[in-house]
PDB file of N, CA and C in Angstrom:
ATOM      1  N   UNK A   1       2.064   5.551   9.717  1.00  0.00           N
ATOM      2  CA  UNK A   1       1.593   5.859   8.761  1.00  0.00           C
ATOM      3  C   UNK A   1       1.854   5.709   7.409  1.00  0.00           C
ATOM      4  N   UNK A   2       0.129   5.016   6.703  1.00  0.00           N
ATOM      5  CA  UNK A   2       0.922   4.697   5.340  1.00  0.00           C
ATOM      6  C   UNK A   2       0.389   6.192   4.170  1.00  0.00           C
ATOM      7  N   UNK A   3       1.171   6.027   2.900  1.00  0.00           N
ATOM      8  CA  UNK A   3       1.125   7.098   2.291  1.00  0.00           C
ATOM      9  C   UNK A   3      -0.445   7.340   1.764  1.00  0.00           C
ATOM     10  N   UNK A   4      -1.419   6.523   2.080  1.00  0.00           N
ATOM     11  CA  UNK A   4      -2.609   7.350   2.260  1.00  0.00           C
ATOM     12  C   UNK A   4      -3.259   7.994   3.613  1.00  0.00           C
ATOM     13  N   UNK A   5      -2.767   8.043   4.221  1.00  0.00           N
ATOM     14  CA  UNK A   5      -2.884   8.897   5.051  1.00  0.00           C
ATOM     15  C   UNK A   5      -2.552  10.500   4.706  1.00  0.00           C
ATOM     16  N   UNK A   6      -1.828  11.044   4.129  1.00  0.00           N
ATOM     17  CA  UNK A   6      -1.142  12.213   3.342  1.00  0.00           C
ATOM     18  C   UNK A   6      -2.933  13.014   2.858  1.00  0.00           C
ATOM     19  N   UNK A   7      -3.778  11.941   2.244  1.00  0.00           N
ATOM     20  CA  UNK A   7      -4.652  12.216   1.478  1.00  0.00           C
ATOM     21  C   UNK A   7      -6.028  12.144   2.503  1.00  0.00           C
ATOM     22  N   UNK A   8      -5.761  12.340   3.265  1.00  0.00           N
ATOM     23  CA  UNK A   8      -7.006  11.633   3.882  1.00  0.00           C
ATOM     24  C   UNK A   8      -7.340  12.775   4.690  1.00  0.00           C
ATOM     25  N   UNK A   9      -8.950  12.837   5.083  1.00  0.00           N
ATOM     26  CA  UNK A   9      -9.969  13.943   5.711  1.00  0.00           C
ATOM     27  C   UNK A   9      -9.338  14.122   6.813  1.00  0.00           C
ATOM     28  N   UNK A  10      -8.860  13.255   7.753  1.00  0.00           N
ATOM     29  CA  UNK A  10      -8.932  12.993   8.964  1.00  0.00           C
ATOM     30  C   UNK A  10      -7.328  13.319   9.642  1.00  0.00           C
ATOM     31  N   UNK A  11      -6.345  13.310   8.310  1.00  0.00           N
ATOM     32  CA  UNK A  11      -5.051  13.946   8.623  1.00  0.00           C
ATOM     33  C   UNK A  11      -4.424  15.241   8.927  1.00  0.00           C
ATOM     34  N   UNK A  12      -4.572  15.820   9.712  1.00  0.00           N
ATOM     35  CA  UNK A  12      -4.205  17.439  10.132  1.00  0.00           C
ATOM     36  C   UNK A  12      -3.227  17.663  10.747  1.00  0.00           C
ATOM     37  N   UNK A  13      -2.493  18.566  11.101  1.00  0.00           N
ATOM     38  CA  UNK A  13      -1.493  19.617  11.165  1.00  0.00           C
ATOM     39  C   UNK A  13      -1.621  20.009  12.536  1.00  0.00           C
ATOM     40  N   UNK A  14      -1.066  19.463  13.775  1.00  0.00           N
ATOM     41  CA  UNK A  14      -0.954  19.542  15.176  1.00  0.00           C
ATOM     42  C   UNK A  14      -0.106  20.881  15.287  1.00  0.00           C
ATOM     43  N   UNK A  15      -0.240  21.749  15.150  1.00  0.00           N
ATOM     44  CA  UNK A  15       0.619  23.362  15.602  1.00  0.00           C
ATOM     45  C   UNK A  15       1.423  23.295  16.915  1.00  0.00           C
ATOM     46  N   UNK A  16       0.617  22.427  18.292  1.00  0.00           N
ATOM     47  CA  UNK A  16       1.397  22.629  19.519  1.00  0.00           C
ATOM     48  C   UNK A  16       2.601  21.450  19.077  1.00  0.00           C
ATOM     49  N   UNK A  17       1.911  20.500  18.291  1.00  0.00           N
ATOM     50  CA  UNK A  17       2.901  18.980  18.567  1.00  0.00           C
ATOM     51  C   UNK A  17       4.206  18.937  17.218  1.00  0.00           C
ATOM     52  N   UNK A  18       3.301  20.216  16.130  1.00  0.00           N
ATOM     53  CA  UNK A  18       4.121  20.443  15.073  1.00  0.00           C
ATOM     54  C   UNK A  18       4.537  19.239  14.282  1.00  0.00           C
ATOM     55  N   UNK A  19       3.543  18.729  14.321  1.00  0.00           N
ATOM     56  CA  UNK A  19       3.421  17.460  13.148  1.00  0.00           C
ATOM     57  C   UNK A  19       1.780  16.855  12.942  1.00  0.00           C
ATOM     58  N   UNK A  20       2.175  16.300  11.505  1.00  0.00           N
ATOM     59  CA  UNK A  20       0.616  16.086  11.260  1.00  0.00           C
ATOM     60  C   UNK A  20       0.214  14.544  12.106  1.00  0.00           C
ATOM     61  N   UNK A  21      -1.052  14.517  12.384  1.00  0.00           N
ATOM     62  CA  UNK A  21      -1.262  13.345  12.979  1.00  0.00           C
ATOM     63  C   UNK A  21      -2.658  12.972  12.398  1.00  0.00           C
ATOM     64  N   UNK A  22      -3.539  12.190  12.885  1.00  0.00           N
ATOM     65  CA  UNK A  22      -4.891  11.546  12.449  1.00  0.00           C
ATOM     66  C   UNK A  22      -5.558  12.212  13.751  1.00  0.00           C
ATOM     67  N   UNK A  23      -6.612  12.732  13.397  1.00  0.00           N
ATOM     68  CA  UNK A  23      -7.739  13.244  14.449  1.00  0.00           C
ATOM     69  C   UNK A  23      -8.886  12.267  14.383  1.00  0.00           C
ATOM     70  N   UNK A  24      -9.203  11.326  14.095  1.00  0.00           N
ATOM     71  CA  UNK A  24     -10.130  10.414  14.172  1.00  0.00           C
ATOM     72  C   UNK A  24     -10.249  10.248  15.032  1.00  0.00           C
ATOM     73  N   UNK A  25     -11.628  10.140  15.977  1.00  0.00           N
ATOM     74  CA  UNK A  25     -11.699   9.839  17.322  1.00  0.00           C
ATOM     75  C   UNK A  25     -12.043   8.033  16.931  1.00  0.00           C
ATOM     76  N   UNK A  26     -10.868   7.339  17.643  1.00  0.00           N
ATOM     77  CA  UNK A  26     -10.934   5.946  17.986  1.00  0.00           C
ATOM     78  C   UNK A  26     -11.065   5.474  19.235  1.00  0.00           C
ATOM     79  N   UNK A  27     -11.402   4.463  19.467  1.00  0.00           N
ATOM     80  CA  UNK A  27     -11.303   3.834  21.012  1.00  0.00           C
ATOM     81  C   UNK A  27     -10.459   3.017  20.996  1.00  0.00           C
ATOM     82  N   UNK A  28     -10.245   2.659  22.283  1.00  0.00           N
ATOM     83  CA  UNK A  28      -8.913   1.933  22.857  1.00  0.00           C
ATOM     84  C   UNK A  28      -8.947   1.026  21.719  1.00  0.00           C
ATOM     85  N   UNK A  29      -9.234   0.193  21.424  1.00  0.00           N
ATOM     86  CA  UNK A  29      -8.842  -1.229  20.798  1.00  0.00           C
ATOM     87  C   UNK A  29      -8.528  -0.933  19.307  1.00  0.00           C
ATOM     88  N   UNK A  30      -9.544  -0.093  18.786  1.00  0.00           N
ATOM     89  CA  UNK A  30      -9.114   0.649  17.527  1.00  0.00           C
ATOM     90  C   UNK A  30      -8.057   1.225  17.643  1.00  0.00           C
ATOM     91  N   UNK A  31      -7.525   2.090  18.645  1.00  0.00           N
ATOM     92  CA  UNK A  31      -6.264   2.809  18.161  1.00  0.00           C
ATOM     93  C   UNK A  31      -5.009   1.803  18.636  1.00  0.00           C
ATOM     94  N   UNK A  32      -4.978   0.822  19.358  1.00  0.00           N
ATOM     95  CA  UNK A  32      -4.259  -0.772  19.504  1.00  0.00           C
ATOM     96  C   UNK A  32      -3.867  -0.804  18.066  1.00  0.00           C
ATOM     97  N   UNK A  33      -5.084  -1.145  17.447  1.00  0.00           N
ATOM     98  CA  UNK A  33      -4.977  -1.852  15.715  1.00  0.00           C
ATOM     99  C   UNK A  33      -4.459  -0.828  15.148  1.00  0.00           C
ATOM    100  N   UNK A  34      -4.675   0.164  15.206  1.00  0.00           N
ATOM    101  CA  UNK A  34      -4.292   1.299  14.159  1.00  0.00           C
ATOM    102  C   UNK A  34      -2.292   1.933  14.299  1.00  0.00           C
ATOM    103  N   UNK A  35      -2.230   1.690  15.824  1.00  0.00           N
ATOM    104  CA  UNK A  35      -0.530   1.825  16.077  1.00  0.00           C
ATOM    105  C   UNK A  35       0.231   0.798  15.832  1.00  0.00           C
ATOM    106  N   UNK A  36      -0.580  -0.390  15.969  1.00  0.00           N
ATOM    107  CA  UNK A  36       0.254  -1.812  15.797  1.00  0.00           C
ATOM    108  C   UNK A  36       0.318  -1.555  14.321  1.00  0.00           C
ATOM    109  N   UNK A  37      -0.150  -1.575  13.601  1.00  0.00           N
ATOM    110  CA  UNK A  37      -0.427  -1.403  12.001  1.00  0.00           C
ATOM    111  C   UNK A  37      -1.113  -3.160  11.570  1.00  0.00           C
ATOM    112  N   UNK A  38      -1.863  -3.500  12.754  1.00  0.00           N
ATOM    113  CA  UNK A  38      -2.960  -4.568  12.357  1.00  0.00           C
ATOM    114  C   UNK A  38      -3.627  -4.315  11.329  1.00  0.00           C
ATOM    115  N   UNK A  39      -4.393  -3.242  10.636  1.00  0.00           N
ATOM    116  CA  UNK A  39      -5.246  -2.864   9.760  1.00  0.00           C
ATOM    117  C   UNK A  39      -4.409  -3.114   8.285  1.00  0.00           C
ATOM    118  N   UNK A  40      -4.917  -3.824   7.349  1.00  0.00           N
ATOM    119  CA  UNK A  40      -4.075  -3.687   6.193  1.00  0.00           C
ATOM    120  C   UNK A  40      -4.438  -2.649   5.321  1.00  0.00           C
ATOM    121  N   UNK A  41      -5.163  -2.008   5.698  1.00  0.00           N
ATOM    122  CA  UNK A  41      -5.901  -0.495   4.733  1.00  0.00           C
ATOM    123  C   UNK A  41      -6.660   0.197   5.917  1.00  0.00           C
ATOM    124  N   UNK A  42      -6.277   1.520   6.119  1.00  0.00           N
ATOM    125  CA  UNK A  42      -7.000   2.365   7.297  1.00  0.00           C
ATOM    126  C   UNK A  42      -8.763   2.020   6.815  1.00  0.00           C
ATOM    127  N   UNK A  43      -9.452   1.652   7.609  1.00  0.00           N
ATOM    128  CA  UNK A  43     -11.156   1.472   7.565  1.00  0.00           C
ATOM    129  C   UNK A  43     -11.817   2.865   7.678  1.00  0.00           C
ATOM    130  N   UNK A  44     -11.254   3.779   7.921  1.00  0.00           N
ATOM    131  CA  UNK A  44     -11.457   5.229   8.287  1.00  0.00           C
ATOM    132  C   UNK A  44     -11.154   6.351   7.024  1.00  0.00           C
ATOM    133  N   UNK A  45     -10.343   5.989   6.285  1.00  0.00           N
ATOM    134  CA  UNK A  45      -9.970   6.776   5.349  1.00  0.00           C
ATOM    135  C   UNK A  45     -10.640   7.117   4.637  1.00  0.00           C
ATOM    136  N   UNK A  46     -11.000   8.607   4.508  1.00  0.00           N
ATOM    137  CA  UNK A  46     -11.717   9.533   3.480  1.00  0.00           C
ATOM    138  C   UNK A  46     -11.234  10.314   3.046  1.00  0.00           C
ATOM    139  N   UNK A  47     -11.089   9.904   1.341  1.00  0.00           N
ATOM    140  CA  UNK A  47     -10.524  11.270   0.500  1.00  0.00           C
ATOM    141  C   UNK A  47     -10.716  12.447   0.620  1.00  0.00           C
ATOM    142  N   UNK A  48      -9.485  13.448   1.503  1.00  0.00           N
ATOM    143  CA  UNK A  48     -10.149  14.967   1.521  1.00  0.00           C
ATOM    144  C   UNK A  48     -10.035  15.294  -0.069  1.00  0.00           C
ATOM    145  N   UNK A  49     -11.181  15.868  -0.821  1.00  0.00           N
ATOM    146  CA  UNK A  49     -11.156  16.254  -1.431  1.00  0.00           C
ATOM    147  C   UNK A  49     -11.948  18.084  -1.574  1.00  0.00           C
ATOM    148  N   UNK A  50     -10.859  18.765  -1.457  1.00  0.00           N
ATOM    149  CA  UNK A  50     -10.905  20.260  -1.156  1.00  0.00           C
ATOM    150  C   UNK A  50     -11.183  20.980  -2.402  1.00  0.00           C
ATOM    151  N   UNK A  51     -12.085  20.412  -3.402  1.00  0.00           N
ATOM    152  CA  UNK A  51     -12.355  20.793  -4.673  1.00  0.00           C
ATOM    153  C   UNK A  51     -13.840  19.823  -4.610  1.00  0.00           C
ATOM    154  N   UNK A  52     -14.219  19.507  -3.695  1.00  0.00           N
ATOM    155  CA  UNK A  52     -15.755  19.282  -3.796  1.00  0.00           C
ATOM    156  C   UNK A  52     -17.022  20.121  -4.113  1.00  0.00           C
ATOM    157  N   UNK A  53     -16.810  21.299  -2.995  1.00  0.00           N
ATOM    158  CA  UNK A  53     -17.360  22.275  -2.608  1.00  0.00           C
ATOM    159  C   UNK A  53     -17.594  23.037  -4.362  1.00  0.00           C
ATOM    160  N   UNK A  54     -16.696  23.227  -4.971  1.00  0.00           N
ATOM    161  CA  UNK A  54     -16.165  24.503  -6.024  1.00  0.00           C
ATOM    162  C   UNK A  54     -17.083  23.544  -7.113  1.00  0.00           C
ATOM    163  N   UNK A  55     -16.655  21.697  -7.093  1.00  0.00           N
ATOM    164  CA  UNK A  55     -17.446  20.798  -8.143  1.00  0.00           C
ATOM    165  C   UNK A  55     -18.891  21.351  -8.286  1.00  0.00           C
ATOM    166  N   UNK A  56     -19.620  21.370  -6.856  1.00  0.00           N
ATOM    167  CA  UNK A  56     -20.755  21.650  -6.510  1.00  0.00           C
ATOM    168  C   UNK A  56     -21.709  22.948  -7.608  1.00  0.00           C
ATOM    169  N   UNK A  57     -20.435  23.959  -7.527  1.00  0.00           N
ATOM    170  CA  UNK A  57     -20.747  25.287  -7.859  1.00  0.00           C
ATOM    171  C   UNK A  57     -20.748  25.464  -9.688  1.00  0.00           C
ATOM    172  N   UNK A  58     -19.972  24.560 -10.030  1.00  0.00           N
ATOM    173  CA  UNK A  58     -19.784  24.880 -11.698  1.00  0.00           C
ATOM    174  C   UNK A  58     -20.889  24.454 -12.139  1.00  0.00           C
TER     175      UNK A  58
END
């Protein structure tokens, strides 16, 4: 996992496994490319802006 994963909307903590993981639903080919590092940067990265709702309220 790259550093960008830590700020991604799809990077979540799994309490059963006690670790963070990508929760993006990938098909078999996408998953293979993801775990083998064939992506130069994650095409599914979406910045997790937890203050986005607050900004709309201001």
